N, C-alpha and C. Protein backbone atom coordinates (compact mmCIF):
# COMPACT_ATOMS: atom_id res chain seq x y z
N UNK A 1 -9.33 -6.26 -6.79
CA UNK A 1 -9.45 -4.84 -6.93
C UNK A 1 -9.45 -4.50 -8.43
N UNK A 2 -8.70 -3.51 -8.85
CA UNK A 2 -8.62 -3.12 -10.25
C UNK A 2 -7.52 -3.90 -10.96
N UNK A 3 -7.40 -3.70 -12.25
CA UNK A 3 -6.31 -4.27 -13.02
C UNK A 3 -4.98 -3.73 -12.47
N UNK A 4 -3.94 -4.54 -12.48
CA UNK A 4 -2.66 -4.13 -11.90
C UNK A 4 -2.08 -2.89 -12.58
N UNK A 5 -2.41 -2.66 -13.83
CA UNK A 5 -1.90 -1.49 -14.55
C UNK A 5 -2.39 -0.19 -13.92
N UNK A 6 -3.57 -0.20 -13.31
CA UNK A 6 -4.11 0.99 -12.64
C UNK A 6 -3.17 1.42 -11.52
N UNK A 7 -2.72 0.46 -10.72
CA UNK A 7 -1.83 0.76 -9.59
C UNK A 7 -0.43 1.15 -10.08
N UNK A 8 0.02 0.50 -11.14
CA UNK A 8 1.31 0.86 -11.74
C UNK A 8 1.27 2.30 -12.23
N UNK A 9 0.19 2.68 -12.89
CA UNK A 9 0.05 4.06 -13.38
C UNK A 9 0.03 5.06 -12.23
N UNK A 10 -0.62 4.72 -11.14
CA UNK A 10 -0.67 5.62 -9.98
C UNK A 10 0.72 5.83 -9.39
N UNK A 11 1.49 4.74 -9.28
CA UNK A 11 2.84 4.86 -8.74
C UNK A 11 3.73 5.65 -9.70
N UNK A 12 3.58 5.43 -10.99
CA UNK A 12 4.37 6.19 -11.96
C UNK A 12 4.03 7.67 -11.90
N UNK A 13 2.76 8.00 -11.72
CA UNK A 13 2.36 9.41 -11.59
C UNK A 13 2.98 10.02 -10.35
N UNK A 14 2.98 9.28 -9.24
CA UNK A 14 3.61 9.77 -8.01
C UNK A 14 5.10 10.04 -8.24
N UNK A 15 5.77 9.12 -8.92
CA UNK A 15 7.20 9.30 -9.18
C UNK A 15 7.47 10.50 -10.08
N UNK A 16 6.54 10.81 -10.97
CA UNK A 16 6.73 11.96 -11.85
C UNK A 16 6.55 13.28 -11.10
N UNK A 17 5.81 13.25 -10.00
CA UNK A 17 5.58 14.46 -9.21
C UNK A 17 6.66 14.72 -8.17
N UNK A 18 7.32 13.64 -7.72
CA UNK A 18 8.37 13.75 -6.70
C UNK A 18 9.70 13.39 -7.33
N UNK A 19 10.73 14.18 -7.07
CA UNK A 19 12.00 14.00 -7.77
C UNK A 19 12.97 13.03 -7.13
N UNK A 20 13.06 13.07 -5.81
CA UNK A 20 14.06 12.22 -5.17
C UNK A 20 13.57 11.78 -3.81
N UNK A 21 14.31 10.85 -3.24
CA UNK A 21 13.96 10.33 -1.92
C UNK A 21 13.32 8.96 -2.02
N UNK A 22 12.71 8.57 -0.93
CA UNK A 22 12.06 7.27 -0.82
C UNK A 22 10.66 7.48 -0.26
N UNK A 23 9.68 6.83 -0.85
CA UNK A 23 8.31 6.89 -0.35
C UNK A 23 8.00 5.57 0.35
N UNK A 24 7.55 5.65 1.59
CA UNK A 24 7.23 4.48 2.39
C UNK A 24 5.73 4.45 2.63
N UNK A 25 5.11 3.32 2.34
CA UNK A 25 3.68 3.14 2.56
C UNK A 25 3.49 1.95 3.49
N UNK A 26 2.95 2.21 4.65
CA UNK A 26 2.72 1.16 5.63
C UNK A 26 1.28 0.68 5.53
N UNK A 27 1.12 -0.63 5.36
CA UNK A 27 -0.21 -1.21 5.42
C UNK A 27 -0.61 -1.40 6.87
N UNK A 28 -1.84 -1.76 7.08
CA UNK A 28 -2.35 -1.96 8.44
C UNK A 28 -2.22 -3.40 8.90
N UNK A 29 -2.20 -3.57 10.20
CA UNK A 29 -2.30 -4.89 10.81
C UNK A 29 -3.77 -5.21 11.00
N UNK A 30 -4.05 -6.45 11.32
CA UNK A 30 -5.42 -6.81 11.65
C UNK A 30 -5.81 -6.15 12.97
N UNK A 31 -7.03 -5.69 13.04
CA UNK A 31 -7.54 -5.08 14.27
C UNK A 31 -8.05 -6.18 15.19
N UNK A 32 -7.83 -6.02 16.47
CA UNK A 32 -8.35 -7.05 17.38
C UNK A 32 -9.87 -7.03 17.38
N UNK A 33 -10.44 -8.19 17.42
CA UNK A 33 -11.90 -8.31 17.47
C UNK A 33 -12.31 -8.35 18.94
N UNK A 34 -12.83 -7.23 19.42
CA UNK A 34 -13.13 -7.15 20.84
C UNK A 34 -14.56 -7.55 21.18
N UNK A 35 -15.34 -7.91 20.16
CA UNK A 35 -16.66 -8.46 20.43
C UNK A 35 -17.07 -9.37 19.27
N UNK A 36 -17.95 -10.28 19.55
CA UNK A 36 -18.29 -11.36 18.63
C UNK A 36 -18.86 -10.87 17.29
N UNK A 37 -19.64 -9.82 17.27
CA UNK A 37 -20.31 -9.38 16.06
C UNK A 37 -19.50 -8.38 15.24
N UNK A 38 -18.26 -8.16 15.58
CA UNK A 38 -17.41 -7.24 14.82
C UNK A 38 -17.02 -7.91 13.51
N UNK A 39 -17.63 -7.46 12.41
CA UNK A 39 -17.33 -8.05 11.10
C UNK A 39 -16.21 -7.32 10.39
N UNK A 40 -15.73 -6.22 10.95
CA UNK A 40 -14.68 -5.43 10.33
C UNK A 40 -13.35 -5.66 11.02
N UNK A 41 -12.80 -6.84 10.87
CA UNK A 41 -11.56 -7.18 11.56
C UNK A 41 -10.33 -6.60 10.87
N UNK A 42 -10.47 -6.17 9.60
CA UNK A 42 -9.32 -5.63 8.90
C UNK A 42 -9.75 -4.58 7.89
N UNK A 43 -9.02 -3.47 7.86
CA UNK A 43 -9.21 -2.42 6.85
C UNK A 43 -7.83 -1.93 6.46
N UNK A 44 -7.49 -2.11 5.19
CA UNK A 44 -6.17 -1.68 4.71
C UNK A 44 -6.06 -0.16 4.73
N UNK A 45 -4.85 0.34 4.97
CA UNK A 45 -4.56 1.76 4.91
C UNK A 45 -4.92 2.28 3.52
N UNK A 46 -5.62 3.40 3.45
CA UNK A 46 -6.12 3.92 2.18
C UNK A 46 -5.01 4.26 1.19
N UNK A 47 -3.92 4.86 1.66
CA UNK A 47 -2.81 5.21 0.77
C UNK A 47 -2.15 3.95 0.21
N UNK A 48 -1.93 2.97 1.06
CA UNK A 48 -1.33 1.72 0.60
C UNK A 48 -2.25 1.05 -0.42
N UNK A 49 -3.52 1.01 -0.13
CA UNK A 49 -4.48 0.38 -1.03
C UNK A 49 -4.53 1.13 -2.37
N UNK A 50 -4.47 2.45 -2.34
CA UNK A 50 -4.55 3.26 -3.55
C UNK A 50 -3.35 3.02 -4.47
N UNK A 51 -2.15 2.92 -3.90
CA UNK A 51 -0.96 2.78 -4.73
C UNK A 51 -0.57 1.34 -5.03
N UNK A 52 -0.98 0.39 -4.19
CA UNK A 52 -0.56 -1.00 -4.40
C UNK A 52 -1.72 -1.97 -4.64
N UNK A 53 -2.90 -1.65 -4.18
CA UNK A 53 -4.06 -2.50 -4.43
C UNK A 53 -4.04 -3.85 -3.74
N UNK A 54 -3.29 -3.95 -2.67
CA UNK A 54 -3.20 -5.21 -1.93
C UNK A 54 -3.97 -5.07 -0.62
N UNK A 55 -4.98 -5.87 -0.46
CA UNK A 55 -5.85 -5.79 0.71
C UNK A 55 -5.57 -6.94 1.67
N UNK A 56 -4.32 -7.02 2.11
CA UNK A 56 -3.90 -8.05 3.05
C UNK A 56 -3.19 -7.38 4.21
N UNK A 57 -3.29 -7.94 5.40
CA UNK A 57 -2.63 -7.32 6.56
C UNK A 57 -1.11 -7.50 6.54
N UNK A 58 -0.44 -6.65 7.30
CA UNK A 58 0.99 -6.71 7.59
C UNK A 58 1.85 -6.59 6.31
N UNK A 59 1.57 -5.59 5.49
CA UNK A 59 2.36 -5.33 4.29
C UNK A 59 2.94 -3.93 4.35
N UNK A 60 4.00 -3.71 3.61
CA UNK A 60 4.58 -2.38 3.46
C UNK A 60 5.07 -2.25 2.02
N UNK A 61 5.11 -1.02 1.52
CA UNK A 61 5.60 -0.76 0.18
C UNK A 61 6.59 0.39 0.21
N UNK A 62 7.66 0.25 -0.56
CA UNK A 62 8.69 1.28 -0.65
C UNK A 62 8.92 1.58 -2.13
N UNK A 63 9.00 2.88 -2.45
CA UNK A 63 9.33 3.30 -3.81
C UNK A 63 10.55 4.20 -3.75
N UNK A 64 11.61 3.80 -4.43
CA UNK A 64 12.78 4.66 -4.56
C UNK A 64 12.48 5.60 -5.72
N UNK A 65 12.27 6.87 -5.41
CA UNK A 65 11.81 7.82 -6.41
C UNK A 65 12.87 8.17 -7.45
N UNK A 66 14.12 7.93 -7.14
CA UNK A 66 15.19 8.20 -8.10
C UNK A 66 15.38 7.07 -9.10
N UNK A 67 15.41 5.83 -8.61
CA UNK A 67 15.63 4.69 -9.49
C UNK A 67 14.34 4.10 -10.03
N UNK A 68 13.23 4.36 -9.33
CA UNK A 68 11.95 3.77 -9.73
C UNK A 68 11.73 2.36 -9.20
N UNK A 69 12.67 1.87 -8.40
CA UNK A 69 12.54 0.53 -7.83
C UNK A 69 11.40 0.50 -6.81
N UNK A 70 10.61 -0.57 -6.85
CA UNK A 70 9.49 -0.75 -5.93
C UNK A 70 9.67 -2.04 -5.17
N UNK A 71 9.37 -1.98 -3.88
CA UNK A 71 9.48 -3.17 -3.03
C UNK A 71 8.19 -3.30 -2.25
N UNK A 72 7.61 -4.50 -2.28
CA UNK A 72 6.45 -4.81 -1.44
C UNK A 72 6.93 -5.87 -0.46
N UNK A 73 6.70 -5.64 0.80
CA UNK A 73 7.27 -6.50 1.83
C UNK A 73 6.20 -6.94 2.81
N UNK A 74 6.22 -8.19 3.15
CA UNK A 74 5.38 -8.73 4.21
C UNK A 74 6.27 -8.97 5.41
N UNK A 75 5.88 -8.43 6.57
CA UNK A 75 6.74 -8.60 7.74
C UNK A 75 6.48 -9.90 8.46
C-alpha cells in the first residue's frame, strides 16, 4: 500500500480530533467462495484499510485515544 508514515499520520489526525475513549477497527474475514470463478475472495474493511493499511484477513486495530497506544491484533 502506501508508506507506513501515511497511516501513522491518519491515526494521529484521528486522535487529534477525538479526545478520549477507545477506537476499535474490525478488519474483515475471508468471504466464502461460493462459485469457482469468484476472484474476490477477500476485501478488507475500508476504515481498517484507511487507518492501518493492512490488507490481510482476520485483523483488528485498537487505538486508545487518551494514551495514544495502538494495538493491531490477529485473532
